[in-house]
Amino acid sequence: MAFSETFKALADPARRRILTLLKEGPLSAGEIASNFDMTAASVSYHLAALKKAELITETREKNYIYYQLNASVLEEVMLWISDLKGGAQ
């Protein structure tokens, strides 16, 4: 995992909102898009950036693709930040 891709993906408010939506469970692209006032292509662009950063994964079921949060990457970032911060002083 490259932290640069993770932080780049997290920098965008729309992507952070997508992650918040996925916190509740897997959603299709259409379900995600219904929460935004943007084109399907824009939502697809944001999903691709989140996948590239490994913040989300996808599962195919019949004609649908469901996206879900990959919490392990977020845990790695939190551990790194915690380690960087050091112990309480």
N, C-alpha and C. Protein backbone atom coordinates (compact mmCIF):
# COMPACT_ATOMS: atom_id res chain seq x y z
N MET A 1 0.85 -1.18 0.00
CA MET A 1 0.00 0.00 0.00
C MET A 1 0.89 1.24 0.00
N ALA A 2 0.55 2.18 -0.84
CA ALA A 2 1.28 3.44 -0.91
C ALA A 2 0.45 4.52 -0.18
N PHE A 3 1.04 5.07 0.87
CA PHE A 3 0.32 6.10 1.62
C PHE A 3 -0.02 7.29 0.74
N SER A 4 0.82 7.58 -0.25
CA SER A 4 0.54 8.73 -1.10
C SER A 4 -0.79 8.57 -1.83
N GLU A 5 -1.09 7.38 -2.32
CA GLU A 5 -2.38 7.14 -2.99
C GLU A 5 -3.52 7.22 -1.98
N THR A 6 -3.29 6.71 -0.79
CA THR A 6 -4.33 6.74 0.24
C THR A 6 -4.68 8.18 0.62
N PHE A 7 -3.65 8.99 0.90
CA PHE A 7 -3.91 10.37 1.29
C PHE A 7 -4.49 11.18 0.15
N LYS A 8 -4.07 10.90 -1.07
CA LYS A 8 -4.63 11.58 -2.24
C LYS A 8 -6.13 11.27 -2.35
N ALA A 9 -6.49 10.01 -2.15
CA ALA A 9 -7.90 9.62 -2.23
C ALA A 9 -8.70 10.24 -1.09
N LEU A 10 -8.12 10.28 0.09
CA LEU A 10 -8.83 10.83 1.25
C LEU A 10 -8.96 12.35 1.21
N ALA A 11 -8.18 13.00 0.38
CA ALA A 11 -8.20 14.46 0.31
C ALA A 11 -9.49 15.00 -0.29
N ASP A 12 -10.19 14.19 -1.06
CA ASP A 12 -11.40 14.66 -1.74
C ASP A 12 -12.64 14.44 -0.87
N PRO A 13 -13.45 15.48 -0.65
CA PRO A 13 -14.64 15.35 0.20
C PRO A 13 -15.66 14.34 -0.33
N ALA A 14 -15.82 14.24 -1.63
CA ALA A 14 -16.77 13.28 -2.19
C ALA A 14 -16.33 11.85 -1.88
N ARG A 15 -15.04 11.60 -1.96
CA ARG A 15 -14.53 10.26 -1.67
C ARG A 15 -14.69 9.93 -0.19
N ARG A 16 -14.46 10.91 0.67
CA ARG A 16 -14.66 10.68 2.10
C ARG A 16 -16.13 10.38 2.38
N ARG A 17 -17.02 11.04 1.66
CA ARG A 17 -18.45 10.79 1.84
C ARG A 17 -18.81 9.38 1.36
N ILE A 18 -18.21 8.94 0.26
CA ILE A 18 -18.44 7.58 -0.23
C ILE A 18 -18.00 6.57 0.83
N LEU A 19 -16.83 6.80 1.43
CA LEU A 19 -16.35 5.90 2.47
C LEU A 19 -17.31 5.87 3.66
N THR A 20 -17.85 7.01 4.01
CA THR A 20 -18.82 7.08 5.11
C THR A 20 -20.07 6.27 4.77
N LEU A 21 -20.53 6.37 3.53
CA LEU A 21 -21.69 5.58 3.09
C LEU A 21 -21.39 4.08 3.18
N LEU A 22 -20.19 3.70 2.77
CA LEU A 22 -19.83 2.29 2.75
C LEU A 22 -19.56 1.74 4.15
N LYS A 23 -19.43 2.61 5.11
CA LYS A 23 -19.25 2.18 6.49
C LYS A 23 -20.44 1.35 6.96
N GLU A 24 -21.61 1.64 6.40
CA GLU A 24 -22.84 0.94 6.78
C GLU A 24 -22.98 -0.42 6.09
N GLY A 25 -22.17 -0.66 5.06
CA GLY A 25 -22.24 -1.94 4.35
C GLY A 25 -22.08 -1.74 2.85
N PRO A 26 -22.00 -2.85 2.11
CA PRO A 26 -21.79 -2.79 0.65
C PRO A 26 -22.93 -2.07 -0.07
N LEU A 27 -22.56 -1.32 -1.11
CA LEU A 27 -23.53 -0.62 -1.95
C LEU A 27 -23.13 -0.76 -3.40
N SER A 28 -24.12 -0.73 -4.28
CA SER A 28 -23.84 -0.72 -5.72
C SER A 28 -23.47 0.70 -6.13
N ALA A 29 -22.93 0.83 -7.32
CA ALA A 29 -22.57 2.16 -7.83
C ALA A 29 -23.81 3.05 -7.92
N GLY A 30 -24.92 2.49 -8.33
CA GLY A 30 -26.17 3.25 -8.42
C GLY A 30 -26.64 3.75 -7.07
N GLU A 31 -26.52 2.89 -6.05
CA GLU A 31 -26.90 3.29 -4.70
C GLU A 31 -26.00 4.41 -4.18
N ILE A 32 -24.72 4.30 -4.51
CA ILE A 32 -23.78 5.36 -4.10
C ILE A 32 -24.12 6.65 -4.83
N ALA A 33 -24.33 6.56 -6.14
CA ALA A 33 -24.60 7.74 -6.97
C ALA A 33 -25.87 8.48 -6.53
N SER A 34 -26.84 7.74 -6.00
CA SER A 34 -28.10 8.37 -5.59
C SER A 34 -27.91 9.35 -4.44
N ASN A 35 -26.76 9.31 -3.79
CA ASN A 35 -26.47 10.21 -2.68
C ASN A 35 -25.72 11.47 -3.11
N PHE A 36 -25.50 11.60 -4.42
CA PHE A 36 -24.70 12.72 -4.92
C PHE A 36 -25.42 13.42 -6.06
N ASP A 37 -25.08 14.68 -6.26
CA ASP A 37 -25.57 15.45 -7.39
C ASP A 37 -24.43 15.57 -8.39
N MET A 38 -24.06 14.41 -8.97
CA MET A 38 -23.00 14.39 -9.98
C MET A 38 -23.31 13.28 -10.97
N THR A 39 -22.63 13.32 -12.09
CA THR A 39 -22.88 12.33 -13.14
C THR A 39 -22.37 10.96 -12.69
N ALA A 40 -22.90 9.93 -13.34
CA ALA A 40 -22.44 8.56 -13.07
C ALA A 40 -20.95 8.42 -13.38
N ALA A 41 -20.49 9.13 -14.41
CA ALA A 41 -19.07 9.09 -14.77
C ALA A 41 -18.20 9.67 -13.64
N SER A 42 -18.67 10.72 -13.00
CA SER A 42 -17.94 11.32 -11.89
C SER A 42 -17.87 10.36 -10.71
N VAL A 43 -18.97 9.71 -10.40
CA VAL A 43 -18.99 8.73 -9.31
C VAL A 43 -18.03 7.59 -9.64
N SER A 44 -18.06 7.14 -10.87
CA SER A 44 -17.17 6.07 -11.32
C SER A 44 -15.70 6.48 -11.16
N TYR A 45 -15.40 7.72 -11.48
CA TYR A 45 -14.04 8.25 -11.33
C TYR A 45 -13.59 8.19 -9.86
N HIS A 46 -14.48 8.60 -8.96
CA HIS A 46 -14.16 8.59 -7.53
C HIS A 46 -14.00 7.15 -7.02
N LEU A 47 -14.86 6.25 -7.49
CA LEU A 47 -14.74 4.85 -7.08
C LEU A 47 -13.42 4.26 -7.56
N ALA A 48 -13.00 4.61 -8.77
CA ALA A 48 -11.73 4.11 -9.31
C ALA A 48 -10.56 4.62 -8.46
N ALA A 49 -10.61 5.87 -8.04
CA ALA A 49 -9.54 6.42 -7.20
C ALA A 49 -9.49 5.71 -5.85
N LEU A 50 -10.65 5.42 -5.28
CA LEU A 50 -10.70 4.71 -4.01
C LEU A 50 -10.20 3.27 -4.14
N LYS A 51 -10.53 2.63 -5.27
CA LYS A 51 -10.03 1.27 -5.52
C LYS A 51 -8.51 1.29 -5.71
N LYS A 52 -7.99 2.27 -6.43
CA LYS A 52 -6.56 2.37 -6.66
C LYS A 52 -5.82 2.53 -5.34
N ALA A 53 -6.41 3.25 -4.41
CA ALA A 53 -5.82 3.44 -3.09
C ALA A 53 -6.11 2.27 -2.16
N GLU A 54 -6.83 1.28 -2.66
CA GLU A 54 -7.20 0.08 -1.91
C GLU A 54 -8.07 0.39 -0.69
N LEU A 55 -8.79 1.51 -0.75
CA LEU A 55 -9.69 1.86 0.35
C LEU A 55 -11.03 1.16 0.23
N ILE A 56 -11.35 0.69 -0.98
CA ILE A 56 -12.58 -0.07 -1.19
C ILE A 56 -12.25 -1.30 -2.04
N THR A 57 -13.13 -2.28 -1.96
CA THR A 57 -13.04 -3.47 -2.80
C THR A 57 -14.38 -3.63 -3.51
N GLU A 58 -14.39 -4.46 -4.54
CA GLU A 58 -15.64 -4.69 -5.25
C GLU A 58 -15.92 -6.18 -5.33
N THR A 59 -17.21 -6.50 -5.34
CA THR A 59 -17.68 -7.87 -5.48
C THR A 59 -18.75 -7.88 -6.56
N ARG A 60 -18.63 -8.80 -7.49
CA ARG A 60 -19.62 -8.91 -8.56
C ARG A 60 -20.67 -9.95 -8.19
N GLU A 61 -21.94 -9.56 -8.33
CA GLU A 61 -23.06 -10.46 -8.11
C GLU A 61 -24.03 -10.27 -9.27
N LYS A 62 -24.11 -11.27 -10.12
CA LYS A 62 -24.93 -11.22 -11.33
C LYS A 62 -24.56 -9.99 -12.15
N ASN A 63 -25.50 -9.07 -12.34
CA ASN A 63 -25.25 -7.88 -13.16
C ASN A 63 -24.81 -6.66 -12.36
N TYR A 64 -24.54 -6.86 -11.10
CA TYR A 64 -24.22 -5.73 -10.23
C TYR A 64 -22.80 -5.85 -9.66
N ILE A 65 -22.22 -4.70 -9.38
CA ILE A 65 -20.94 -4.64 -8.67
C ILE A 65 -21.22 -3.92 -7.36
N TYR A 66 -20.85 -4.56 -6.27
CA TYR A 66 -21.03 -3.97 -4.95
C TYR A 66 -19.67 -3.55 -4.41
N TYR A 67 -19.64 -2.36 -3.85
CA TYR A 67 -18.41 -1.80 -3.29
C TYR A 67 -18.50 -1.87 -1.77
N GLN A 68 -17.36 -2.17 -1.16
CA GLN A 68 -17.34 -2.21 0.30
C GLN A 68 -16.04 -1.61 0.82
N LEU A 69 -16.11 -1.14 2.03
CA LEU A 69 -14.97 -0.49 2.68
C LEU A 69 -13.90 -1.53 2.99
N ASN A 70 -12.64 -1.16 2.73
CA ASN A 70 -11.50 -1.99 3.09
C ASN A 70 -10.86 -1.35 4.32
N ALA A 71 -11.35 -1.71 5.48
CA ALA A 71 -10.92 -1.07 6.72
C ALA A 71 -9.46 -1.35 7.05
N SER A 72 -8.89 -2.41 6.52
CA SER A 72 -7.50 -2.74 6.87
C SER A 72 -6.53 -1.63 6.43
N VAL A 73 -6.80 -0.98 5.31
CA VAL A 73 -5.93 0.11 4.86
C VAL A 73 -6.05 1.29 5.82
N LEU A 74 -7.27 1.59 6.24
CA LEU A 74 -7.47 2.68 7.19
C LEU A 74 -6.77 2.37 8.52
N GLU A 75 -6.82 1.11 8.93
CA GLU A 75 -6.14 0.71 10.16
C GLU A 75 -4.63 0.91 10.04
N GLU A 76 -4.06 0.57 8.87
CA GLU A 76 -2.63 0.78 8.66
C GLU A 76 -2.25 2.25 8.77
N VAL A 77 -3.08 3.12 8.19
CA VAL A 77 -2.82 4.56 8.26
C VAL A 77 -2.91 5.04 9.71
N MET A 78 -3.93 4.57 10.43
CA MET A 78 -4.09 4.98 11.83
C MET A 78 -2.92 4.49 12.68
N LEU A 79 -2.45 3.28 12.43
CA LEU A 79 -1.29 2.77 13.17
C LEU A 79 -0.05 3.60 12.87
N TRP A 80 0.14 3.96 11.62
CA TRP A 80 1.30 4.77 11.23
C TRP A 80 1.25 6.13 11.92
N ILE A 81 0.07 6.76 11.91
CA ILE A 81 -0.08 8.07 12.54
C ILE A 81 0.14 7.95 14.05
N SER A 82 -0.39 6.91 14.65
CA SER A 82 -0.21 6.68 16.07
C SER A 82 1.27 6.48 16.41
N ASP A 83 1.96 5.72 15.58
CA ASP A 83 3.39 5.49 15.78
C ASP A 83 4.18 6.78 15.60
N LEU A 84 3.79 7.58 14.61
CA LEU A 84 4.45 8.85 14.35
C LEU A 84 4.28 9.81 15.54
N LYS A 85 3.08 9.79 16.10
CA LYS A 85 2.78 10.66 17.24
C LYS A 85 3.61 10.27 18.46
N GLY A 86 3.85 8.98 18.63
CA GLY A 86 4.62 8.52 19.78
C GLY A 86 3.77 8.38 21.01
N GLY A 87 4.39 8.01 22.09
CA GLY A 87 3.67 7.81 23.36
C GLY A 87 3.25 9.12 23.98
N ALA A 88 2.33 9.02 24.92
CA ALA A 88 1.84 10.21 25.64
C ALA A 88 2.97 10.78 26.50
N GLN A 89 3.09 12.11 26.52
CA GLN A 89 4.16 12.74 27.28
C GLN A 89 3.62 13.76 28.23
